[in-house]
């Protein structure tokens, strides 16, 4: 059975992914990424890789899942920024 701390972590992770998804969706639909900061995208992707590493080493499932999805969304934004700018 999953404990309440893990449930809180999973809810926090889902909220983080849901918060970034509209930006990805808008960038995809408008084919416009000029307002996105490449510096922020690169720093954020590095941060997510570090969180993923921490999660794996600590065996914390919510951190592993959240950082994985956030990294993928950020890489997708970086790809669109390079393509549409």
PDB file of N, CA and C in Angstrom:
ATOM      1  N   UNK A   1       0.841  -1.198   0.000  1.00  0.00           N
ATOM      2  CA  UNK A   1       0.000   0.000   0.000  1.00  0.00           C
ATOM      3  C   UNK A   1       0.877   1.250   0.000  1.00  0.00           C
ATOM      4  N   UNK A   2       0.448   2.255  -0.718  1.00  0.00           N
ATOM      5  CA  UNK A   2       1.188   3.505  -0.806  1.00  0.00           C
ATOM      6  C   UNK A   2       0.864   4.368   0.415  1.00  0.00           C
ATOM      7  N   UNK A   3       1.901   4.929   1.028  1.00  0.00           N
ATOM      8  CA  UNK A   3       1.679   5.772   2.202  1.00  0.00           C
ATOM      9  C   UNK A   3       1.251   7.182   1.776  1.00  0.00           C
ATOM     10  N   UNK A   4       0.770   7.958   2.721  1.00  0.00           N
ATOM     11  CA  UNK A   4       0.244   9.287   2.417  1.00  0.00           C
ATOM     12  C   UNK A   4       1.331  10.242   1.931  1.00  0.00           C
ATOM     13  N   UNK A   5       2.570  10.067   2.353  1.00  0.00           N
ATOM     14  CA  UNK A   5       3.653  10.933   1.893  1.00  0.00           C
ATOM     15  C   UNK A   5       3.889  10.720   0.399  1.00  0.00           C
ATOM     16  N   UNK A   6       3.869   9.484  -0.040  1.00  0.00           N
ATOM     17  CA  UNK A   6       4.020   9.192  -1.467  1.00  0.00           C
ATOM     18  C   UNK A   6       2.848   9.748  -2.261  1.00  0.00           C
ATOM     19  N   UNK A   7       1.653   9.654  -1.707  1.00  0.00           N
ATOM     20  CA  UNK A   7       0.476  10.199  -2.381  1.00  0.00           C
ATOM     21  C   UNK A   7       0.605  11.708  -2.546  1.00  0.00           C
ATOM     22  N   UNK A   8       1.060  12.386  -1.504  1.00  0.00           N
ATOM     23  CA  UNK A   8       1.274  13.838  -1.591  1.00  0.00           C
ATOM     24  C   UNK A   8       2.320  14.141  -2.667  1.00  0.00           C
ATOM     25  N   UNK A   9       3.386  13.367  -2.701  1.00  0.00           N
ATOM     26  CA  UNK A   9       4.419  13.565  -3.716  1.00  0.00           C
ATOM     27  C   UNK A   9       3.902  13.346  -5.126  1.00  0.00           C
ATOM     28  N   UNK A  10       3.083  12.329  -5.308  1.00  0.00           N
ATOM     29  CA  UNK A  10       2.506  12.060  -6.629  1.00  0.00           C
ATOM     30  C   UNK A  10       1.554  13.173  -7.056  1.00  0.00           C
ATOM     31  N   UNK A  11       0.754  13.667  -6.124  1.00  0.00           N
ATOM     32  CA  UNK A  11      -0.151  14.779  -6.439  1.00  0.00           C
ATOM     33  C   UNK A  11       0.650  16.030  -6.795  1.00  0.00           C
ATOM     34  N   UNK A  12       1.710  16.298  -6.041  1.00  0.00           N
ATOM     35  CA  UNK A  12       2.570  17.450  -6.348  1.00  0.00           C
ATOM     36  C   UNK A  12       3.193  17.298  -7.733  1.00  0.00           C
ATOM     37  N   UNK A  13       3.638  16.094  -8.053  1.00  0.00           N
ATOM     38  CA  UNK A  13       4.241  15.851  -9.355  1.00  0.00           C
ATOM     39  C   UNK A  13       3.253  16.016 -10.488  1.00  0.00           C
ATOM     40  N   UNK A  14       2.060  15.481 -10.310  1.00  0.00           N
ATOM     41  CA  UNK A  14       1.024  15.631 -11.334  1.00  0.00           C
ATOM     42  C   UNK A  14       0.703  17.103 -11.549  1.00  0.00           C
ATOM     43  N   UNK A  15       0.611  17.849 -10.450  1.00  0.00           N
ATOM     44  CA  UNK A  15       0.338  19.286 -10.544  1.00  0.00           C
ATOM     45  C   UNK A  15       1.436  20.012 -11.316  1.00  0.00           C
ATOM     46  N   UNK A  16       2.693  19.647 -11.078  1.00  0.00           N
ATOM     47  CA  UNK A  16       3.806  20.274 -11.791  1.00  0.00           C
ATOM     48  C   UNK A  16       3.732  20.001 -13.286  1.00  0.00           C
ATOM     49  N   UNK A  17       3.453  18.772 -13.648  1.00  0.00           N
ATOM     50  CA  UNK A  17       3.355  18.410 -15.068  1.00  0.00           C
ATOM     51  C   UNK A  17       2.163  19.112 -15.713  1.00  0.00           C
ATOM     52  N   UNK A  18       1.041  19.140 -15.014  1.00  0.00           N
ATOM     53  CA  UNK A  18      -0.149  19.809 -15.538  1.00  0.00           C
ATOM     54  C   UNK A  18       0.119  21.306 -15.718  1.00  0.00           C
ATOM     55  N   UNK A  19       0.907  21.904 -14.834  1.00  0.00           N
ATOM     56  CA  UNK A  19       1.205  23.338 -14.922  1.00  0.00           C
ATOM     57  C   UNK A  19       2.028  23.673 -16.164  1.00  0.00           C
ATOM     58  N   UNK A  20       2.913  22.783 -16.591  1.00  0.00           N
ATOM     59  CA  UNK A  20       3.755  23.058 -17.758  1.00  0.00           C
ATOM     60  C   UNK A  20       3.078  22.673 -19.075  1.00  0.00           C
ATOM     61  N   UNK A  21       2.132  21.769 -19.009  1.00  0.00           N
ATOM     62  CA  UNK A  21       1.485  21.266 -20.223  1.00  0.00           C
ATOM     63  C   UNK A  21       0.816  22.360 -21.070  1.00  0.00           C
ATOM     64  N   UNK A  22       0.109  23.337 -20.499  1.00  0.00           N
ATOM     65  CA  UNK A  22      -0.488  24.377 -21.358  1.00  0.00           C
ATOM     66  C   UNK A  22       0.550  25.161 -22.164  1.00  0.00           C
ATOM     67  N   UNK A  23       1.731  25.375 -21.598  1.00  0.00           N
ATOM     68  CA  UNK A  23       2.773  26.084 -22.344  1.00  0.00           C
ATOM     69  C   UNK A  23       3.236  25.256 -23.542  1.00  0.00           C
ATOM     70  N   UNK A  24       3.407  23.963 -23.314  1.00  0.00           N
ATOM     71  CA  UNK A  24       3.801  23.071 -24.411  1.00  0.00           C
ATOM     72  C   UNK A  24       2.713  23.064 -25.474  1.00  0.00           C
ATOM     73  N   UNK A  25       1.463  22.943 -25.044  1.00  0.00           N
ATOM     74  CA  UNK A  25       0.338  22.908 -25.968  1.00  0.00           C
ATOM     75  C   UNK A  25       0.238  24.199 -26.774  1.00  0.00           C
ATOM     76  N   UNK A  26       0.378  25.337 -26.101  1.00  0.00           N
ATOM     77  CA  UNK A  26       0.278  26.627 -26.786  1.00  0.00           C
ATOM     78  C   UNK A  26       1.411  26.797 -27.791  1.00  0.00           C
ATOM     79  N   UNK A  27       2.610  26.423 -27.396  1.00  0.00           N
ATOM     80  CA  UNK A  27       3.757  26.537 -28.300  1.00  0.00           C
ATOM     81  C   UNK A  27       3.564  25.627 -29.508  1.00  0.00           C
ATOM     82  N   UNK A  28       3.065  24.446 -29.291  1.00  0.00           N
ATOM     83  CA  UNK A  28       2.815  23.495 -30.378  1.00  0.00           C
ATOM     84  C   UNK A  28       1.761  24.047 -31.350  1.00  0.00           C
ATOM     85  N   UNK A  29       0.688  24.589 -30.803  1.00  0.00           N
ATOM     86  CA  UNK A  29      -0.403  25.075 -31.654  1.00  0.00           C
ATOM     87  C   UNK A  29      -0.072  26.356 -32.397  1.00  0.00           C
ATOM     88  N   UNK A  30       0.612  27.287 -31.736  1.00  0.00           N
ATOM     89  CA  UNK A  30       0.899  28.585 -32.358  1.00  0.00           C
ATOM     90  C   UNK A  30       2.160  28.562 -33.214  1.00  0.00           C
ATOM     91  N   UNK A  31       2.975  27.543 -33.029  1.00  0.00           N
ATOM     92  CA  UNK A  31       4.268  27.458 -33.730  1.00  0.00           C
ATOM     93  C   UNK A  31       5.085  28.720 -33.470  1.00  0.00           C
ATOM     94  N   UNK A  32       5.037  29.173 -32.217  1.00  0.00           N
ATOM     95  CA  UNK A  32       5.698  30.420 -31.821  1.00  0.00           C
ATOM     96  C   UNK A  32       6.315  30.205 -30.441  1.00  0.00           C
ATOM     97  N   UNK A  33       7.634  30.427 -30.347  1.00  0.00           N
ATOM     98  CA  UNK A  33       8.333  30.211 -29.077  1.00  0.00           C
ATOM     99  C   UNK A  33       9.242  31.376 -28.725  1.00  0.00           C
ATOM    100  N   UNK A  34       9.027  32.511 -29.371  1.00  0.00           N
ATOM    101  CA  UNK A  34       9.910  33.665 -29.146  1.00  0.00           C
ATOM    102  C   UNK A  34       9.924  34.137 -27.700  1.00  0.00           C
ATOM    103  N   UNK A  35       8.808  33.977 -27.005  1.00  0.00           N
ATOM    104  CA  UNK A  35       8.715  34.475 -25.629  1.00  0.00           C
ATOM    105  C   UNK A  35       9.321  33.539 -24.598  1.00  0.00           C
ATOM    106  N   UNK A  36       9.731  32.367 -25.021  1.00  0.00           N
ATOM    107  CA  UNK A  36      10.358  31.424 -24.091  1.00  0.00           C
ATOM    108  C   UNK A  36      11.854  31.717 -24.004  1.00  0.00           C
ATOM    109  N   UNK A  37      12.365  31.716 -22.801  1.00  0.00           N
ATOM    110  CA  UNK A  37      13.787  31.952 -22.581  1.00  0.00           C
ATOM    111  C   UNK A  37      14.571  30.650 -22.741  1.00  0.00           C
ATOM    112  N   UNK A  38      15.506  30.636 -23.673  1.00  0.00           N
ATOM    113  CA  UNK A  38      16.331  29.443 -23.871  1.00  0.00           C
ATOM    114  C   UNK A  38      17.178  29.180 -22.624  1.00  0.00           C
ATOM    115  N   UNK A  39      17.646  30.235 -21.973  1.00  0.00           N
ATOM    116  CA  UNK A  39      18.423  30.048 -20.742  1.00  0.00           C
ATOM    117  C   UNK A  39      17.584  29.326 -19.688  1.00  0.00           C
ATOM    118  N   UNK A  40      16.347  29.757 -19.515  1.00  0.00           N
ATOM    119  CA  UNK A  40      15.470  29.111 -18.548  1.00  0.00           C
ATOM    120  C   UNK A  40      15.227  27.655 -18.918  1.00  0.00           C
ATOM    121  N   UNK A  41      14.990  27.397 -20.199  1.00  0.00           N
ATOM    122  CA  UNK A  41      14.725  26.037 -20.644  1.00  0.00           C
ATOM    123  C   UNK A  41      15.919  25.122 -20.373  1.00  0.00           C
ATOM    124  N   UNK A  42      17.125  25.605 -20.649  1.00  0.00           N
ATOM    125  CA  UNK A  42      18.327  24.792 -20.436  1.00  0.00           C
ATOM    126  C   UNK A  42      18.567  24.559 -18.943  1.00  0.00           C
ATOM    127  N   UNK A  43      18.446  25.624 -18.155  1.00  0.00           N
ATOM    128  CA  UNK A  43      18.632  25.484 -16.706  1.00  0.00           C
ATOM    129  C   UNK A  43      17.582  24.542 -16.127  1.00  0.00           C
ATOM    130  N   UNK A  44      16.343  24.689 -16.571  1.00  0.00           N
ATOM    131  CA  UNK A  44      15.265  23.838 -16.073  1.00  0.00           C
ATOM    132  C   UNK A  44      15.496  22.373 -16.453  1.00  0.00           C
ATOM    133  N   UNK A  45      15.940  22.114 -17.669  1.00  0.00           N
ATOM    134  CA  UNK A  45      16.185  20.726 -18.064  1.00  0.00           C
ATOM    135  C   UNK A  45      17.334  20.135 -17.249  1.00  0.00           C
ATOM    136  N   UNK A  46      18.373  20.927 -16.989  1.00  0.00           N
ATOM    137  CA  UNK A  46      19.468  20.455 -16.132  1.00  0.00           C
ATOM    138  C   UNK A  46      18.991  20.168 -14.722  1.00  0.00           C
ATOM    139  N   UNK A  47      18.139  21.038 -14.222  1.00  0.00           N
ATOM    140  CA  UNK A  47      17.568  20.841 -12.890  1.00  0.00           C
ATOM    141  C   UNK A  47      16.754  19.547 -12.834  1.00  0.00           C
ATOM    142  N   UNK A  48      15.973  19.296 -13.856  1.00  0.00           N
ATOM    143  CA  UNK A  48      15.164  18.082 -13.874  1.00  0.00           C
ATOM    144  C   UNK A  48      16.026  16.828 -13.952  1.00  0.00           C
ATOM    145  N   UNK A  49      17.136  16.897 -14.682  1.00  0.00           N
ATOM    146  CA  UNK A  49      18.063  15.756 -14.717  1.00  0.00           C
ATOM    147  C   UNK A  49      18.667  15.496 -13.340  1.00  0.00           C
ATOM    148  N   UNK A  50      18.998  16.567 -12.644  1.00  0.00           N
ATOM    149  CA  UNK A  50      19.538  16.411 -11.288  1.00  0.00           C
ATOM    150  C   UNK A  50      18.486  15.841 -10.340  1.00  0.00           C
ATOM    151  N   UNK A  51      17.249  16.323 -10.435  1.00  0.00           N
ATOM    152  CA  UNK A  51      16.176  15.778  -9.602  1.00  0.00           C
ATOM    153  C   UNK A  51      15.931  14.312  -9.925  1.00  0.00           C
ATOM    154  N   UNK A  52      16.005  13.959 -11.208  1.00  0.00           N
ATOM    155  CA  UNK A  52      15.833  12.558 -11.605  1.00  0.00           C
ATOM    156  C   UNK A  52      16.926  11.697 -10.968  1.00  0.00           C
ATOM    157  N   UNK A  53      18.164  12.168 -11.050  1.00  0.00           N
ATOM    158  CA  UNK A  53      19.289  11.440 -10.452  1.00  0.00           C
ATOM    159  C   UNK A  53      19.082  11.280  -8.956  1.00  0.00           C
ATOM    160  N   UNK A  54      18.685  12.349  -8.295  1.00  0.00           N
ATOM    161  CA  UNK A  54      18.395  12.292  -6.864  1.00  0.00           C
ATOM    162  C   UNK A  54      17.297  11.272  -6.572  1.00  0.00           C
ATOM    163  N   UNK A  55      16.244  11.312  -7.364  1.00  0.00           N
ATOM    164  CA  UNK A  55      15.137  10.394  -7.159  1.00  0.00           C
ATOM    165  C   UNK A  55      15.542   8.939  -7.319  1.00  0.00           C
ATOM    166  N   UNK A  56      16.357   8.668  -8.334  1.00  0.00           N
ATOM    167  CA  UNK A  56      16.822   7.302  -8.556  1.00  0.00           C
ATOM    168  C   UNK A  56      17.717   6.845  -7.408  1.00  0.00           C
ATOM    169  N   UNK A  57      18.659   7.698  -7.035  1.00  0.00           N
ATOM    170  CA  UNK A  57      19.583   7.332  -5.954  1.00  0.00           C
ATOM    171  C   UNK A  57      18.860   7.185  -4.616  1.00  0.00           C
ATOM    172  N   UNK A  58      17.819   7.979  -4.412  1.00  0.00           N
ATOM    173  CA  UNK A  58      17.060   7.934  -3.161  1.00  0.00           C
ATOM    174  C   UNK A  58      15.888   6.955  -3.226  1.00  0.00           C
ATOM    175  N   UNK A  59      15.609   6.459  -4.416  1.00  0.00           N
ATOM    176  CA  UNK A  59      14.483   5.545  -4.639  1.00  0.00           C
ATOM    177  C   UNK A  59      13.150   6.181  -4.230  1.00  0.00           C
ATOM    178  N   UNK A  60      12.952   7.425  -4.690  1.00  0.00           N
ATOM    179  CA  UNK A  60      11.724   8.163  -4.390  1.00  0.00           C
ATOM    180  C   UNK A  60      10.907   8.251  -5.683  1.00  0.00           C
ATOM    181  N   UNK A  61       9.884   7.423  -5.782  1.00  0.00           N
ATOM    182  CA  UNK A  61       9.091   7.304  -7.001  1.00  0.00           C
ATOM    183  C   UNK A  61       8.487   8.623  -7.490  1.00  0.00           C
ATOM    184  N   UNK A  62       7.862   9.443  -6.622  1.00  0.00           N
ATOM    185  CA  UNK A  62       7.288  10.689  -7.126  1.00  0.00           C
ATOM    186  C   UNK A  62       8.325  11.607  -7.778  1.00  0.00           C
ATOM    187  N   UNK A  63       9.520  11.660  -7.216  1.00  0.00           N
ATOM    188  CA  UNK A  63      10.573  12.511  -7.783  1.00  0.00           C
ATOM    189  C   UNK A  63      11.026  11.952  -9.130  1.00  0.00           C
ATOM    190  N   UNK A  64      11.164  10.655  -9.223  1.00  0.00           N
ATOM    191  CA  UNK A  64      11.578  10.016 -10.478  1.00  0.00           C
ATOM    192  C   UNK A  64      10.552  10.296 -11.576  1.00  0.00           C
ATOM    193  N   UNK A  65       9.292  10.064 -11.274  1.00  0.00           N
ATOM    194  CA  UNK A  65       8.244  10.255 -12.279  1.00  0.00           C
ATOM    195  C   UNK A  65       8.098  11.713 -12.690  1.00  0.00           C
ATOM    196  N   UNK A  66       8.036  12.600 -11.700  1.00  0.00           N
ATOM    197  CA  UNK A  66       7.853  14.017 -11.997  1.00  0.00           C
ATOM    198  C   UNK A  66       9.012  14.567 -12.808  1.00  0.00           C
ATOM    199  N   UNK A  67      10.227  14.302 -12.361  1.00  0.00           N
ATOM    200  CA  UNK A  67      11.383  14.855 -13.071  1.00  0.00           C
ATOM    201  C   UNK A  67      11.492  14.281 -14.479  1.00  0.00           C
ATOM    202  N   UNK A  68      11.100  13.033 -14.671  1.00  0.00           N
ATOM    203  CA  UNK A  68      11.127  12.434 -16.009  1.00  0.00           C
ATOM    204  C   UNK A  68      10.172  13.161 -16.953  1.00  0.00           C
ATOM    205  N   UNK A  69       8.928  13.330 -16.516  1.00  0.00           N
ATOM    206  CA  UNK A  69       7.942  14.002 -17.362  1.00  0.00           C
ATOM    207  C   UNK A  69       8.298  15.468 -17.590  1.00  0.00           C
ATOM    208  N   UNK A  70       8.754  16.146 -16.535  1.00  0.00           N
ATOM    209  CA  UNK A  70       9.119  17.554 -16.680  1.00  0.00           C
ATOM    210  C   UNK A  70      10.311  17.715 -17.630  1.00  0.00           C
ATOM    211  N   UNK A  71      11.270  16.819 -17.536  1.00  0.00           N
ATOM    212  CA  UNK A  71      12.418  16.864 -18.443  1.00  0.00           C
ATOM    213  C   UNK A  71      11.959  16.682 -19.885  1.00  0.00           C
ATOM    214  N   UNK A  72      11.107  15.705 -20.127  1.00  0.00           N
ATOM    215  CA  UNK A  72      10.622  15.467 -21.489  1.00  0.00           C
ATOM    216  C   UNK A  72       9.846  16.669 -22.029  1.00  0.00           C
ATOM    217  N   UNK A  73       9.001  17.259 -21.207  1.00  0.00           N
ATOM    218  CA  UNK A  73       8.257  18.443 -21.649  1.00  0.00           C
ATOM    219  C   UNK A  73       9.197  19.609 -21.944  1.00  0.00           C
ATOM    220  N   UNK A  74      10.213  19.790 -21.111  1.00  0.00           N
ATOM    221  CA  UNK A  74      11.159  20.880 -21.323  1.00  0.00           C
ATOM    222  C   UNK A  74      11.994  20.648 -22.577  1.00  0.00           C
ATOM    223  N   UNK A  75      12.415  19.422 -22.805  1.00  0.00           N
ATOM    224  CA  UNK A  75      13.166  19.109 -24.032  1.00  0.00           C
ATOM    225  C   UNK A  75      12.285  19.353 -25.255  1.00  0.00           C
ATOM    226  N   UNK A  76      11.010  19.015 -25.144  1.00  0.00           N
ATOM    227  CA  UNK A  76      10.086  19.279 -26.243  1.00  0.00           C
ATOM    228  C   UNK A  76       9.985  20.781 -26.504  1.00  0.00           C
ATOM    229  N   UNK A  77       9.917  21.588 -25.434  1.00  0.00           N
ATOM    230  CA  UNK A  77       9.896  23.046 -25.601  1.00  0.00           C
ATOM    231  C   UNK A  77      11.191  23.557 -26.232  1.00  0.00           C
ATOM    232  N   UNK A  78      12.323  23.017 -25.817  1.00  0.00           N
ATOM    233  CA  UNK A  78      13.606  23.419 -26.404  1.00  0.00           C
ATOM    234  C   UNK A  78      13.613  23.096 -27.903  1.00  0.00           C
ATOM    235  N   UNK A  79      13.133  21.916 -28.247  1.00  0.00           N
ATOM    236  CA  UNK A  79      13.072  21.518 -29.654  1.00  0.00           C
ATOM    237  C   UNK A  79      12.187  22.463 -30.454  1.00  0.00           C
ATOM    238  N   UNK A  80      11.036  22.796 -29.903  1.00  0.00           N
ATOM    239  CA  UNK A  80      10.125  23.719 -30.615  1.00  0.00           C
ATOM    240  C   UNK A  80      10.725  25.115 -30.696  1.00  0.00           C
ATOM    241  N   UNK A  81      11.400  25.555 -29.644  1.00  0.00           N
ATOM    242  CA  UNK A  81      12.021  26.879 -29.681  1.00  0.00           C
ATOM    243  C   UNK A  81      13.057  26.944 -30.781  1.00  0.00           C
ATOM    244  N   UNK A  82      13.882  25.925 -30.873  1.00  0.00           N
ATOM    245  CA  UNK A  82      14.903  25.900 -31.936  1.00  0.00           C
ATOM    246  C   UNK A  82      14.266  25.848 -33.318  1.00  0.00           C
ATOM    247  N   UNK A  83      13.162  25.141 -33.436  1.00  0.00           N
ATOM    248  CA  UNK A  83      12.507  24.990 -34.730  1.00  0.00           C
ATOM    249  C   UNK A  83      11.758  26.263 -35.142  1.00  0.00           C
ATOM    250  N   UNK A  84      11.048  26.894 -34.208  1.00  0.00           N
ATOM    251  CA  UNK A  84      10.149  27.988 -34.543  1.00  0.00           C
ATOM    252  C   UNK A  84      10.777  29.365 -34.412  1.00  0.00           C
ATOM    253  N   UNK A  85      11.918  29.486 -33.776  1.00  0.00           N
ATOM    254  CA  UNK A  85      12.557  30.814 -33.664  1.00  0.00           C
ATOM    255  C   UNK A  85      13.326  31.158 -34.908  1.00  0.00           C
TER     256      UNK A  85
END
